[in-house]
Amino acid sequence: MKEKFIDEIKDIIGQSVNWMKLEVEYAKFTVAEKFTLLMTSLIIGAVCVLLGLAALLMLAFAGVELFKLIISPALAYCAMAGIICLFILLLYLCRRPLLLNPIAKFITRLFFTPKD
């Protein structure tokens, strides 16, 4: 009777160790998956920012050409620089709802929301 009880305890301990190994492996795969999603989002975001900056540069030059029809070229460049500075100021003033909150929600959803 005592040997059977000891064998059952050894079996339970062996299954517990095996279960813990599987849990650690699952945690590793989960972290790898989430890290991959995060890095993919960062890369896509960086590419979009670079393309957006190129588009903004082209729009700025188009605006300068438009302003050249009305005012002198030097003032046209100054006017476009002022408009871009206003957009930067607006982005800085609205950084929380435009940048911080969406990024925080994305990272929170990525790391703390369980899968279905």
PDB file of N, CA and C in Angstrom:
ATOM      1  N   MET A   1       0.817  -1.185   0.000  1.00  0.00           N
ATOM      2  CA  MET A   1       0.000   0.000   0.000  1.00  0.00           C
ATOM      3  C   MET A   1       0.867   1.259   0.000  1.00  0.00           C
ATOM      4  N   LYS A   2       1.927   1.207   0.809  1.00  0.00           N
ATOM      5  CA  LYS A   2       2.797   2.364   0.929  1.00  0.00           C
ATOM      6  C   LYS A   2       3.563   2.604  -0.373  1.00  0.00           C
ATOM      7  N   GLU A   3       3.991   1.518  -1.044  1.00  0.00           N
ATOM      8  CA  GLU A   3       4.719   1.644  -2.307  1.00  0.00           C
ATOM      9  C   GLU A   3       3.834   2.240  -3.391  1.00  0.00           C
ATOM     10  N   LYS A   4       2.576   1.829  -3.415  1.00  0.00           N
ATOM     11  CA  LYS A   4       1.639   2.351  -4.393  1.00  0.00           C
ATOM     12  C   LYS A   4       1.438   3.859  -4.191  1.00  0.00           C
ATOM     13  N   PHE A   5       1.342   4.265  -2.937  1.00  0.00           N
ATOM     14  CA  PHE A   5       1.164   5.681  -2.614  1.00  0.00           C
ATOM     15  C   PHE A   5       2.400   6.483  -3.041  1.00  0.00           C
ATOM     16  N   ILE A   6       3.589   5.959  -2.784  1.00  0.00           N
ATOM     17  CA  ILE A   6       4.836   6.630  -3.167  1.00  0.00           C
ATOM     18  C   ILE A   6       4.946   6.702  -4.687  1.00  0.00           C
ATOM     19  N   ASP A   7       4.553   5.618  -5.383  1.00  0.00           N
ATOM     20  CA  ASP A   7       4.583   5.633  -6.843  1.00  0.00           C
ATOM     21  C   ASP A   7       3.624   6.678  -7.407  1.00  0.00           C
ATOM     22  N   GLU A   8       2.468   6.818  -6.791  1.00  0.00           N
ATOM     23  CA  GLU A   8       1.501   7.826  -7.259  1.00  0.00           C
ATOM     24  C   GLU A   8       2.033   9.242  -7.026  1.00  0.00           C
ATOM     25  N   ILE A   9       2.698   9.460  -5.900  1.00  0.00           N
ATOM     26  CA  ILE A   9       3.282  10.774  -5.623  1.00  0.00           C
ATOM     27  C   ILE A   9       4.400  11.078  -6.629  1.00  0.00           C
ATOM     28  N   LYS A  10       5.239  10.072  -6.932  1.00  0.00           N
ATOM     29  CA  LYS A  10       6.289  10.253  -7.925  1.00  0.00           C
ATOM     30  C   LYS A  10       5.684  10.570  -9.294  1.00  0.00           C
ATOM     31  N   ASP A  11       4.590   9.899  -9.628  1.00  0.00           N
ATOM     32  CA  ASP A  11       3.917  10.147 -10.898  1.00  0.00           C
ATOM     33  C   ASP A  11       3.351  11.567 -10.947  1.00  0.00           C
ATOM     34  N   ILE A  12       2.756  12.009  -9.855  1.00  0.00           N
ATOM     35  CA  ILE A  12       2.205  13.371  -9.792  1.00  0.00           C
ATOM     36  C   ILE A  12       3.326  14.407  -9.903  1.00  0.00           C
ATOM     37  N   ILE A  13       4.428  14.174  -9.234  1.00  0.00           N
ATOM     38  CA  ILE A  13       5.565  15.095  -9.308  1.00  0.00           C
ATOM     39  C   ILE A  13       6.120  15.128 -10.726  1.00  0.00           C
ATOM     40  N   GLY A  14       6.240  13.969 -11.359  1.00  0.00           N
ATOM     41  CA  GLY A  14       6.724  13.915 -12.740  1.00  0.00           C
ATOM     42  C   GLY A  14       5.798  14.652 -13.700  1.00  0.00           C
ATOM     43  N   GLN A  15       4.498  14.477 -13.518  1.00  0.00           N
ATOM     44  CA  GLN A  15       3.538  15.196 -14.369  1.00  0.00           C
ATOM     45  C   GLN A  15       3.583  16.695 -14.100  1.00  0.00           C
ATOM     46  N   SER A  16       3.795  17.085 -12.837  1.00  0.00           N
ATOM     47  CA  SER A  16       3.888  18.502 -12.494  1.00  0.00           C
ATOM     48  C   SER A  16       5.120  19.136 -13.138  1.00  0.00           C
ATOM     49  N   VAL A  17       6.232  18.440 -13.112  1.00  0.00           N
ATOM     50  CA  VAL A  17       7.453  18.954 -13.738  1.00  0.00           C
ATOM     51  C   VAL A  17       7.245  19.077 -15.241  1.00  0.00           C
ATOM     52  N   ASN A  18       6.625  18.071 -15.845  1.00  0.00           N
ATOM     53  CA  ASN A  18       6.349  18.111 -17.282  1.00  0.00           C
ATOM     54  C   ASN A  18       5.401  19.273 -17.619  1.00  0.00           C
ATOM     55  N   TRP A  19       4.391  19.476 -16.778  1.00  0.00           N
ATOM     56  CA  TRP A  19       3.440  20.569 -16.993  1.00  0.00           C
ATOM     57  C   TRP A  19       4.148  21.917 -16.913  1.00  0.00           C
ATOM     58  N   MET A  20       5.060  22.089 -15.932  1.00  0.00           N
ATOM     59  CA  MET A  20       5.800  23.343 -15.797  1.00  0.00           C
ATOM     60  C   MET A  20       6.694  23.592 -17.015  1.00  0.00           C
ATOM     61  N   LYS A  21       7.324  22.549 -17.528  1.00  0.00           N
ATOM     62  CA  LYS A  21       8.144  22.700 -18.736  1.00  0.00           C
ATOM     63  C   LYS A  21       7.291  23.157 -19.906  1.00  0.00           C
ATOM     64  N   LEU A  22       6.105  22.571 -20.037  1.00  0.00           N
ATOM     65  CA  LEU A  22       5.205  22.970 -21.118  1.00  0.00           C
ATOM     66  C   LEU A  22       4.722  24.412 -20.944  1.00  0.00           C
ATOM     67  N   GLU A  23       4.462  24.823 -19.713  1.00  0.00           N
ATOM     68  CA  GLU A  23       4.043  26.201 -19.456  1.00  0.00           C
ATOM     69  C   GLU A  23       5.151  27.184 -19.806  1.00  0.00           C
ATOM     70  N   VAL A  24       6.396  26.841 -19.488  1.00  0.00           N
ATOM     71  CA  VAL A  24       7.527  27.708 -19.823  1.00  0.00           C
ATOM     72  C   VAL A  24       7.675  27.810 -21.337  1.00  0.00           C
ATOM     73  N   GLU A  25       7.554  26.702 -22.038  1.00  0.00           N
ATOM     74  CA  GLU A  25       7.628  26.720 -23.504  1.00  0.00           C
ATOM     75  C   GLU A  25       6.509  27.571 -24.098  1.00  0.00           C
ATOM     76  N   TYR A  26       5.308  27.433 -23.549  1.00  0.00           N
ATOM     77  CA  TYR A  26       4.169  28.225 -24.028  1.00  0.00           C
ATOM     78  C   TYR A  26       4.417  29.707 -23.794  1.00  0.00           C
ATOM     79  N   ALA A  27       4.971  30.056 -22.648  1.00  0.00           N
ATOM     80  CA  ALA A  27       5.285  31.459 -22.346  1.00  0.00           C
ATOM     81  C   ALA A  27       6.334  31.994 -23.318  1.00  0.00           C
ATOM     82  N   LYS A  28       7.336  31.186 -23.646  1.00  0.00           N
ATOM     83  CA  LYS A  28       8.359  31.602 -24.603  1.00  0.00           C
ATOM     84  C   LYS A  28       7.743  31.872 -25.966  1.00  0.00           C
ATOM     85  N   PHE A  29       6.885  30.974 -26.425  1.00  0.00           N
ATOM     86  CA  PHE A  29       6.238  31.164 -27.723  1.00  0.00           C
ATOM     87  C   PHE A  29       5.320  32.386 -27.712  1.00  0.00           C
ATOM     88  N   THR A  30       4.630  32.614 -26.621  1.00  0.00           N
ATOM     89  CA  THR A  30       3.748  33.776 -26.522  1.00  0.00           C
ATOM     90  C   THR A  30       4.552  35.063 -26.575  1.00  0.00           C
ATOM     91  N   VAL A  31       5.659  35.124 -25.842  1.00  0.00           N
ATOM     92  CA  VAL A  31       6.511  36.311 -25.862  1.00  0.00           C
ATOM     93  C   VAL A  31       7.090  36.517 -27.262  1.00  0.00           C
ATOM     94  N   ALA A  32       7.521  35.447 -27.902  1.00  0.00           N
ATOM     95  CA  ALA A  32       8.073  35.567 -29.253  1.00  0.00           C
ATOM     96  C   ALA A  32       7.009  36.081 -30.226  1.00  0.00           C
ATOM     97  N   GLU A  33       5.788  35.593 -30.112  1.00  0.00           N
ATOM     98  CA  GLU A  33       4.712  36.031 -30.995  1.00  0.00           C
ATOM     99  C   GLU A  33       4.412  37.516 -30.783  1.00  0.00           C
ATOM    100  N   LYS A  34       4.308  37.926 -29.544  1.00  0.00           N
ATOM    101  CA  LYS A  34       3.992  39.318 -29.246  1.00  0.00           C
ATOM    102  C   LYS A  34       5.134  40.245 -29.636  1.00  0.00           C
ATOM    103  N   PHE A  35       6.366  39.813 -29.434  1.00  0.00           N
ATOM    104  CA  PHE A  35       7.511  40.606 -29.844  1.00  0.00           C
ATOM    105  C   PHE A  35       7.550  40.756 -31.362  1.00  0.00           C
ATOM    106  N   THR A  36       7.209  39.684 -32.072  1.00  0.00           N
ATOM    107  CA  THR A  36       7.162  39.741 -33.531  1.00  0.00           C
ATOM    108  C   THR A  36       6.090  40.722 -33.999  1.00  0.00           C
ATOM    109  N   LEU A  37       4.912  40.677 -33.376  1.00  0.00           N
ATOM    110  CA  LEU A  37       3.855  41.619 -33.728  1.00  0.00           C
ATOM    111  C   LEU A  37       4.279  43.058 -33.443  1.00  0.00           C
ATOM    112  N   LEU A  38       4.928  43.276 -32.321  1.00  0.00           N
ATOM    113  CA  LEU A  38       5.382  44.609 -31.960  1.00  0.00           C
ATOM    114  C   LEU A  38       6.423  45.122 -32.947  1.00  0.00           C
ATOM    115  N   MET A  39       7.397  44.303 -33.275  1.00  0.00           N
ATOM    116  CA  MET A  39       8.436  44.721 -34.213  1.00  0.00           C
ATOM    117  C   MET A  39       7.863  44.962 -35.606  1.00  0.00           C
ATOM    118  N   THR A  40       6.924  44.124 -36.039  1.00  0.00           N
ATOM    119  CA  THR A  40       6.289  44.318 -37.338  1.00  0.00           C
ATOM    120  C   THR A  40       5.548  45.648 -37.367  1.00  0.00           C
ATOM    121  N   SER A  41       4.833  45.946 -36.301  1.00  0.00           N
ATOM    122  CA  SER A  41       4.113  47.221 -36.228  1.00  0.00           C
ATOM    123  C   SER A  41       5.080  48.396 -36.238  1.00  0.00           C
ATOM    124  N   LEU A  42       6.196  48.276 -35.533  1.00  0.00           N
ATOM    125  CA  LEU A  42       7.188  49.350 -35.525  1.00  0.00           C
ATOM    126  C   LEU A  42       7.802  49.563 -36.904  1.00  0.00           C
ATOM    127  N   ILE A  43       8.094  48.488 -37.600  1.00  0.00           N
ATOM    128  CA  ILE A  43       8.683  48.607 -38.931  1.00  0.00           C
ATOM    129  C   ILE A  43       7.688  49.225 -39.903  1.00  0.00           C
ATOM    130  N   ILE A  44       6.448  48.751 -39.868  1.00  0.00           N
ATOM    131  CA  ILE A  44       5.423  49.322 -40.746  1.00  0.00           C
ATOM    132  C   ILE A  44       5.202  50.794 -40.413  1.00  0.00           C
ATOM    133  N   GLY A  45       5.183  51.128 -39.131  1.00  0.00           N
ATOM    134  CA  GLY A  45       5.038  52.518 -38.726  1.00  0.00           C
ATOM    135  C   GLY A  45       6.192  53.383 -39.208  1.00  0.00           C
ATOM    136  N   ALA A  46       7.412  52.873 -39.116  1.00  0.00           N
ATOM    137  CA  ALA A  46       8.584  53.638 -39.562  1.00  0.00           C
ATOM    138  C   ALA A  46       8.539  53.863 -41.072  1.00  0.00           C
ATOM    139  N   VAL A  47       8.144  52.845 -41.822  1.00  0.00           N
ATOM    140  CA  VAL A  47       8.043  52.999 -43.276  1.00  0.00           C
ATOM    141  C   VAL A  47       6.964  54.022 -43.624  1.00  0.00           C
ATOM    142  N   CYS A  48       5.833  53.956 -42.926  1.00  0.00           N
ATOM    143  CA  CYS A  48       4.761  54.929 -43.172  1.00  0.00           C
ATOM    144  C   CYS A  48       5.200  56.345 -42.823  1.00  0.00           C
ATOM    145  N   VAL A  49       5.951  56.505 -41.753  1.00  0.00           N
ATOM    146  CA  VAL A  49       6.449  57.837 -41.384  1.00  0.00           C
ATOM    147  C   VAL A  49       7.409  58.359 -42.444  1.00  0.00           C
ATOM    148  N   LEU A  50       8.304  57.506 -42.922  1.00  0.00           N
ATOM    149  CA  LEU A  50       9.246  57.951 -43.956  1.00  0.00           C
ATOM    150  C   LEU A  50       8.519  58.332 -45.240  1.00  0.00           C
ATOM    151  N   LEU A  51       7.562  57.536 -45.658  1.00  0.00           N
ATOM    152  CA  LEU A  51       6.799  57.869 -46.864  1.00  0.00           C
ATOM    153  C   LEU A  51       5.962  59.124 -46.648  1.00  0.00           C
ATOM    154  N   GLY A  52       5.425  59.279 -45.447  1.00  0.00           N
ATOM    155  CA  GLY A  52       4.659  60.481 -45.128  1.00  0.00           C
ATOM    156  C   GLY A  52       5.531  61.730 -45.149  1.00  0.00           C
ATOM    157  N   LEU A  53       6.767  61.603 -44.648  1.00  0.00           N
ATOM    158  CA  LEU A  53       7.682  62.743 -44.697  1.00  0.00           C
ATOM    159  C   LEU A  53       8.040  63.113 -46.134  1.00  0.00           C
ATOM    160  N   ALA A  54       8.226  62.114 -46.980  1.00  0.00           N
ATOM    161  CA  ALA A  54       8.502  62.394 -48.388  1.00  0.00           C
ATOM    162  C   ALA A  54       7.305  63.088 -49.029  1.00  0.00           C
ATOM    163  N   ALA A  55       6.105  62.622 -48.725  1.00  0.00           N
ATOM    164  CA  ALA A  55       4.907  63.264 -49.267  1.00  0.00           C
ATOM    165  C   ALA A  55       4.765  64.684 -48.731  1.00  0.00           C
ATOM    166  N   LEU A  56       5.054  64.884 -47.449  1.00  0.00           N
ATOM    167  CA  LEU A  56       4.995  66.227 -46.864  1.00  0.00           C
ATOM    168  C   LEU A  56       6.005  67.156 -47.527  1.00  0.00           C
ATOM    169  N   LEU A  57       7.176  66.663 -47.832  1.00  0.00           N
ATOM    170  CA  LEU A  57       8.185  67.455 -48.513  1.00  0.00           C
ATOM    171  C   LEU A  57       7.702  67.873 -49.899  1.00  0.00           C
ATOM    172  N   MET A  58       7.114  66.939 -50.630  1.00  0.00           N
ATOM    173  CA  MET A  58       6.584  67.264 -51.959  1.00  0.00           C
ATOM    174  C   MET A  58       5.442  68.275 -51.870  1.00  0.00           C
ATOM    175  N   LEU A  59       4.567  68.100 -50.882  1.00  0.00           N
ATOM    176  CA  LEU A  59       3.471  69.058 -50.700  1.00  0.00           C
ATOM    177  C   LEU A  59       3.997  70.437 -50.313  1.00  0.00           C
ATOM    178  N   ALA A  60       5.061  70.469 -49.529  1.00  0.00           N
ATOM    179  CA  ALA A  60       5.658  71.751 -49.146  1.00  0.00           C
ATOM    180  C   ALA A  60       6.212  72.472 -50.373  1.00  0.00           C
ATOM    181  N   PHE A  61       6.897  71.742 -51.232  1.00  0.00           N
ATOM    182  CA  PHE A  61       7.414  72.373 -52.442  1.00  0.00           C
ATOM    183  C   PHE A  61       6.286  72.812 -53.372  1.00  0.00           C
ATOM    184  N   ALA A  62       5.233  72.029 -53.437  1.00  0.00           N
ATOM    185  CA  ALA A  62       4.075  72.440 -54.237  1.00  0.00           C
ATOM    186  C   ALA A  62       3.436  73.696 -53.651  1.00  0.00           C
ATOM    187  N   GLY A  63       3.362  73.782 -52.326  1.00  0.00           N
ATOM    188  CA  GLY A  63       2.834  74.984 -51.680  1.00  0.00           C
ATOM    189  C   GLY A  63       3.698  76.194 -51.940  1.00  0.00           C
ATOM    190  N   VAL A  64       5.001  75.997 -51.933  1.00  0.00           N
ATOM    191  CA  VAL A  64       5.917  77.100 -52.225  1.00  0.00           C
ATOM    192  C   VAL A  64       5.687  77.595 -53.649  1.00  0.00           C
ATOM    193  N   GLU A  65       5.561  76.679 -54.580  1.00  0.00           N
ATOM    194  CA  GLU A  65       5.317  77.082 -55.966  1.00  0.00           C
ATOM    195  C   GLU A  65       4.002  77.829 -56.089  1.00  0.00           C
ATOM    196  N   LEU A  66       3.006  77.421 -55.341  1.00  0.00           N
ATOM    197  CA  LEU A  66       1.721  78.107 -55.352  1.00  0.00           C
ATOM    198  C   LEU A  66       1.861  79.512 -54.752  1.00  0.00           C
ATOM    199  N   PHE A  67       2.572  79.618 -53.649  1.00  0.00           N
ATOM    200  CA  PHE A  67       2.772  80.920 -53.018  1.00  0.00           C
ATOM    201  C   PHE A  67       3.620  81.854 -53.897  1.00  0.00           C
ATOM    202  N   LYS A  68       4.523  81.281 -54.724  1.00  0.00           N
ATOM    203  CA  LYS A  68       5.363  82.103 -55.597  1.00  0.00           C
ATOM    204  C   LYS A  68       4.518  82.893 -56.595  1.00  0.00           C
ATOM    205  N   LEU A  69       3.326  82.389 -56.898  1.00  0.00           N
ATOM    206  CA  LEU A  69       2.448  83.107 -57.815  1.00  0.00           C
ATOM    207  C   LEU A  69       1.903  84.377 -57.176  1.00  0.00           C
ATOM    208  N   ILE A  70       1.838  84.396 -55.837  1.00  0.00           N
ATOM    209  CA  ILE A  70       1.232  85.509 -55.122  1.00  0.00           C
ATOM    210  C   ILE A  70       2.293  86.443 -54.533  1.00  0.00           C
ATOM    211  N   ILE A  71       3.335  85.859 -53.931  1.00  0.00           N
ATOM    212  CA  ILE A  71       4.356  86.666 -53.251  1.00  0.00           C
ATOM    213  C   ILE A  71       5.736  86.300 -53.774  1.00  0.00           C
ATOM    214  N   SER A  72       6.759  86.985 -53.280  1.00  0.00           N
ATOM    215  CA  SER A  72       8.126  86.720 -53.735  1.00  0.00           C
ATOM    216  C   SER A  72       8.580  85.327 -53.280  1.00  0.00           C
ATOM    217  N   PRO A  73       9.559  84.737 -54.003  1.00  0.00           N
ATOM    218  CA  PRO A  73      10.017  83.387 -53.652  1.00  0.00           C
ATOM    219  C   PRO A  73      10.530  83.250 -52.220  1.00  0.00           C
ATOM    220  N   ALA A  74      11.261  84.231 -51.742  1.00  0.00           N
ATOM    221  CA  ALA A  74      11.791  84.149 -50.379  1.00  0.00           C
ATOM    222  C   ALA A  74      10.657  84.133 -49.362  1.00  0.00           C
ATOM    223  N   LEU A  75       9.657  84.961 -49.565  1.00  0.00           N
ATOM    224  CA  LEU A  75       8.508  84.964 -48.662  1.00  0.00           C
ATOM    225  C   LEU A  75       7.686  83.685 -48.794  1.00  0.00           C
ATOM    226  N   ALA A  76       7.660  83.118 -49.988  1.00  0.00           N
ATOM    227  CA  ALA A  76       6.931  81.863 -50.190  1.00  0.00           C
ATOM    228  C   ALA A  76       7.555  80.747 -49.356  1.00  0.00           C
ATOM    229  N   TYR A  77       8.895  80.676 -49.354  1.00  0.00           N
ATOM    230  CA  TYR A  77       9.568  79.662 -48.536  1.00  0.00           C
ATOM    231  C   TYR A  77       9.350  79.927 -47.051  1.00  0.00           C
ATOM    232  N   CYS A  78       9.395  81.195 -46.643  1.00  0.00           N
ATOM    233  CA  CYS A  78       9.149  81.530 -45.237  1.00  0.00           C
ATOM    234  C   CYS A  78       7.712  81.196 -44.831  1.00  0.00           C
ATOM    235  N   ALA A  79       6.768  81.463 -45.708  1.00  0.00           N
ATOM    236  CA  ALA A  79       5.370  81.160 -45.403  1.00  0.00           C
ATOM    237  C   ALA A  79       5.171  79.653 -45.242  1.00  0.00           C
ATOM    238  N   MET A  80       5.780  78.875 -46.124  1.00  0.00           N
ATOM    239  CA  MET A  80       5.637  77.412 -46.022  1.00  0.00           C
ATOM    240  C   MET A  80       6.329  76.892 -44.766  1.00  0.00           C
ATOM    241  N   ALA A  81       7.476  77.459 -44.415  1.00  0.00           N
ATOM    242  CA  ALA A  81       8.149  77.056 -43.172  1.00  0.00           C
ATOM    243  C   ALA A  81       7.278  77.391 -41.967  1.00  0.00           C
ATOM    244  N   GLY A  82       6.619  78.541 -42.003  1.00  0.00           N
ATOM    245  CA  GLY A  82       5.713  78.903 -40.918  1.00  0.00           C
ATOM    246  C   GLY A  82       4.535  77.962 -40.809  1.00  0.00           C
ATOM    247  N   ILE A  83       3.972  77.559 -41.935  1.00  0.00           N
ATOM    248  CA  ILE A  83       2.852  76.605 -41.930  1.00  0.00           C
ATOM    249  C   ILE A  83       3.293  75.263 -41.355  1.00  0.00           C
ATOM    250  N   ILE A  84       4.476  74.806 -41.748  1.00  0.00           N
ATOM    251  CA  ILE A  84       4.982  73.536 -41.222  1.00  0.00           C
ATOM    252  C   ILE A  84       5.241  73.646 -39.723  1.00  0.00           C
ATOM    253  N   CYS A  85       5.767  74.771 -39.273  1.00  0.00           N
ATOM    254  CA  CYS A  85       5.983  74.973 -37.827  1.00  0.00           C
ATOM    255  C   CYS A  85       4.658  74.970 -37.071  1.00  0.00           C
ATOM    256  N   LEU A  86       3.626  75.559 -37.664  1.00  0.00           N
ATOM    257  CA  LEU A  86       2.302  75.517 -37.030  1.00  0.00           C
ATOM    258  C   LEU A  86       1.785  74.087 -36.917  1.00  0.00           C
ATOM    259  N   PHE A  87       1.992  73.279 -37.964  1.00  0.00           N
ATOM    260  CA  PHE A  87       1.578  71.878 -37.900  1.00  0.00           C
ATOM    261  C   PHE A  87       2.360  71.115 -36.829  1.00  0.00           C
ATOM    262  N   ILE A  88       3.649  71.407 -36.703  1.00  0.00           N
ATOM    263  CA  ILE A  88       4.461  70.753 -35.668  1.00  0.00           C
ATOM    264  C   ILE A  88       3.969  71.159 -34.285  1.00  0.00           C
ATOM    265  N   LEU A  89       3.664  72.438 -34.101  1.00  0.00           N
ATOM    266  CA  LEU A  89       3.135  72.909 -32.823  1.00  0.00           C
ATOM    267  C   LEU A  89       1.790  72.251 -32.515  1.00  0.00           C
ATOM    268  N   LEU A  90       0.933  72.148 -33.514  1.00  0.00           N
ATOM    269  CA  LEU A  90      -0.366  71.495 -33.333  1.00  0.00           C
ATOM    270  C   LEU A  90      -0.188  70.019 -32.962  1.00  0.00           C
ATOM    271  N   LEU A  91       0.742  69.350 -33.627  1.00  0.00           N
ATOM    272  CA  LEU A  91       1.015  67.946 -33.298  1.00  0.00           C
ATOM    273  C   LEU A  91       1.549  67.820 -31.880  1.00  0.00           C
ATOM    274  N   TYR A  92       2.410  68.741 -31.464  1.00  0.00           N
ATOM    275  CA  TYR A  92       2.949  68.705 -30.101  1.00  0.00           C
ATOM    276  C   TYR A  92       1.847  68.938 -29.072  1.00  0.00           C
ATOM    277  N   LEU A  93       0.969  69.872 -29.346  1.00  0.00           N
ATOM    278  CA  LEU A  93      -0.100  70.165 -28.397  1.00  0.00           C
ATOM    279  C   LEU A  93      -1.127  69.036 -28.309  1.00  0.00           C
ATOM    280  N   CYS A  94      -1.305  68.303 -29.388  1.00  0.00           N
ATOM    281  CA  CYS A  94      -2.280  67.198 -29.413  1.00  0.00           C
ATOM    282  C   CYS A  94      -1.590  65.839 -29.365  1.00  0.00           C
ATOM    283  N   ARG A  95      -0.387  65.782 -28.797  1.00  0.00           N
ATOM    284  CA  ARG A  95       0.384  64.530 -28.808  1.00  0.00           C
ATOM    285  C   ARG A  95      -0.276  63.421 -28.007  1.00  0.00           C
ATOM    286  N   ARG A  96      -0.948  63.745 -26.914  1.00  0.00           N
ATOM    287  CA  ARG A  96      -1.557  62.708 -26.091  1.00  0.00           C
ATOM    288  C   ARG A  96      -2.683  61.979 -26.837  1.00  0.00           C
ATOM    289  N   PRO A  97      -3.689  62.678 -27.383  1.00  0.00           N
ATOM    290  CA  PRO A  97      -4.755  61.935 -28.067  1.00  0.00           C
ATOM    291  C   PRO A  97      -4.338  61.373 -29.420  1.00  0.00           C
ATOM    292  N   LEU A  98      -3.353  61.997 -30.074  1.00  0.00           N
ATOM    293  CA  LEU A  98      -2.963  61.528 -31.401  1.00  0.00           C
ATOM    294  C   LEU A  98      -1.891  60.448 -31.377  1.00  0.00           C
ATOM    295  N   LEU A  99      -0.992  60.497 -30.404  1.00  0.00           N
ATOM    296  CA  LEU A  99       0.130  59.555 -30.395  1.00  0.00           C
ATOM    297  C   LEU A  99       0.166  58.663 -29.157  1.00  0.00           C
ATOM    298  N   LEU A 100       0.187  59.256 -27.981  1.00  0.00           N
ATOM    299  CA  LEU A 100       0.410  58.472 -26.763  1.00  0.00           C
ATOM    300  C   LEU A 100      -0.726  57.490 -26.475  1.00  0.00           C
ATOM    301  N   ASN A 101      -1.963  57.953 -26.529  1.00  0.00           N
ATOM    302  CA  ASN A 101      -3.089  57.060 -26.211  1.00  0.00           C
ATOM    303  C   ASN A 101      -3.208  55.880 -27.174  1.00  0.00           C
ATOM    304  N   PRO A 102      -3.133  56.087 -28.509  1.00  0.00           N
ATOM    305  CA  PRO A 102      -3.207  54.914 -29.394  1.00  0.00           C
ATOM    306  C   PRO A 102      -2.056  53.929 -29.211  1.00  0.00           C
ATOM    307  N   ILE A 103      -0.853  54.447 -28.975  1.00  0.00           N
ATOM    308  CA  ILE A 103       0.288  53.546 -28.775  1.00  0.00           C
ATOM    309  C   ILE A 103       0.122  52.773 -27.470  1.00  0.00           C
ATOM    310  N   ALA A 104      -0.313  53.460 -26.416  1.00  0.00           N
ATOM    311  CA  ALA A 104      -0.521  52.781 -25.130  1.00  0.00           C
ATOM    312  C   ALA A 104      -1.615  51.724 -25.244  1.00  0.00           C
ATOM    313  N   LYS A 105      -2.696  52.033 -25.947  1.00  0.00           N
ATOM    314  CA  LYS A 105      -3.764  51.047 -26.133  1.00  0.00           C
ATOM    315  C   LYS A 105      -3.273  49.839 -26.918  1.00  0.00           C
ATOM    316  N   PHE A 106      -2.479  50.083 -27.973  1.00  0.00           N
ATOM    317  CA  PHE A 106      -1.967  48.985 -28.785  1.00  0.00           C
ATOM    318  C   PHE A 106      -1.071  48.063 -27.966  1.00  0.00           C
ATOM    319  N   ILE A 107      -0.149  48.639 -27.213  1.00  0.00           N
ATOM    320  CA  ILE A 107       0.780  47.813 -26.430  1.00  0.00           C
ATOM    321  C   ILE A 107       0.044  47.092 -25.310  1.00  0.00           C
ATOM    322  N   THR A 108      -0.911  47.770 -24.672  1.00  0.00           N
ATOM    323  CA  THR A 108      -1.692  47.123 -23.615  1.00  0.00           C
ATOM    324  C   THR A 108      -2.495  45.968 -24.182  1.00  0.00           C
ATOM    325  N   ARG A 109      -3.143  46.196 -25.330  1.00  0.00           N
ATOM    326  CA  ARG A 109      -3.933  45.135 -25.958  1.00  0.00           C
ATOM    327  C   ARG A 109      -3.031  43.976 -26.394  1.00  0.00           C
ATOM    328  N   LEU A 110      -1.836  44.314 -26.860  1.00  0.00           N
ATOM    329  CA  LEU A 110      -0.919  43.291 -27.344  1.00  0.00           C
ATOM    330  C   LEU A 110      -0.407  42.403 -26.217  1.00  0.00           C
ATOM    331  N   PHE A 111      -0.034  42.996 -25.087  1.00  0.00           N
ATOM    332  CA  PHE A 111       0.601  42.215 -24.034  1.00  0.00           C
ATOM    333  C   PHE A 111      -0.334  41.744 -22.934  1.00  0.00           C
ATOM    334  N   PHE A 112      -1.469  42.418 -22.736  1.00  0.00           N
ATOM    335  CA  PHE A 112      -2.284  42.077 -21.570  1.00  0.00           C
ATOM    336  C   PHE A 112      -3.672  41.531 -21.890  1.00  0.00           C
ATOM    337  N   THR A 113      -4.074  41.489 -23.135  1.00  0.00           N
ATOM    338  CA  THR A 113      -5.373  40.932 -23.475  1.00  0.00           C
ATOM    339  C   THR A 113      -5.190  39.478 -23.867  1.00  0.00           C
ATOM    340  N   PRO A 114      -5.863  38.550 -23.181  1.00  0.00           N
ATOM    341  CA  PRO A 114      -5.703  37.143 -23.551  1.00  0.00           C
ATOM    342  C   PRO A 114      -6.383  36.832 -24.871  1.00  0.00           C
ATOM    343  N   LYS A 115      -5.863  35.821 -25.547  1.00  0.00           N
ATOM    344  CA  LYS A 115      -6.465  35.389 -26.806  1.00  0.00           C
ATOM    345  C   LYS A 115      -7.744  34.621 -26.548  1.00  0.00           C
ATOM    346  N   ASP A 116      -8.626  34.650 -27.528  1.00  0.00           N
ATOM    347  CA  ASP A 116      -9.869  33.879 -27.405  1.00  0.00           C
ATOM    348  C   ASP A 116      -9.640  32.406 -27.643  1.00  0.00           C
TER     349      ASP A 116
END
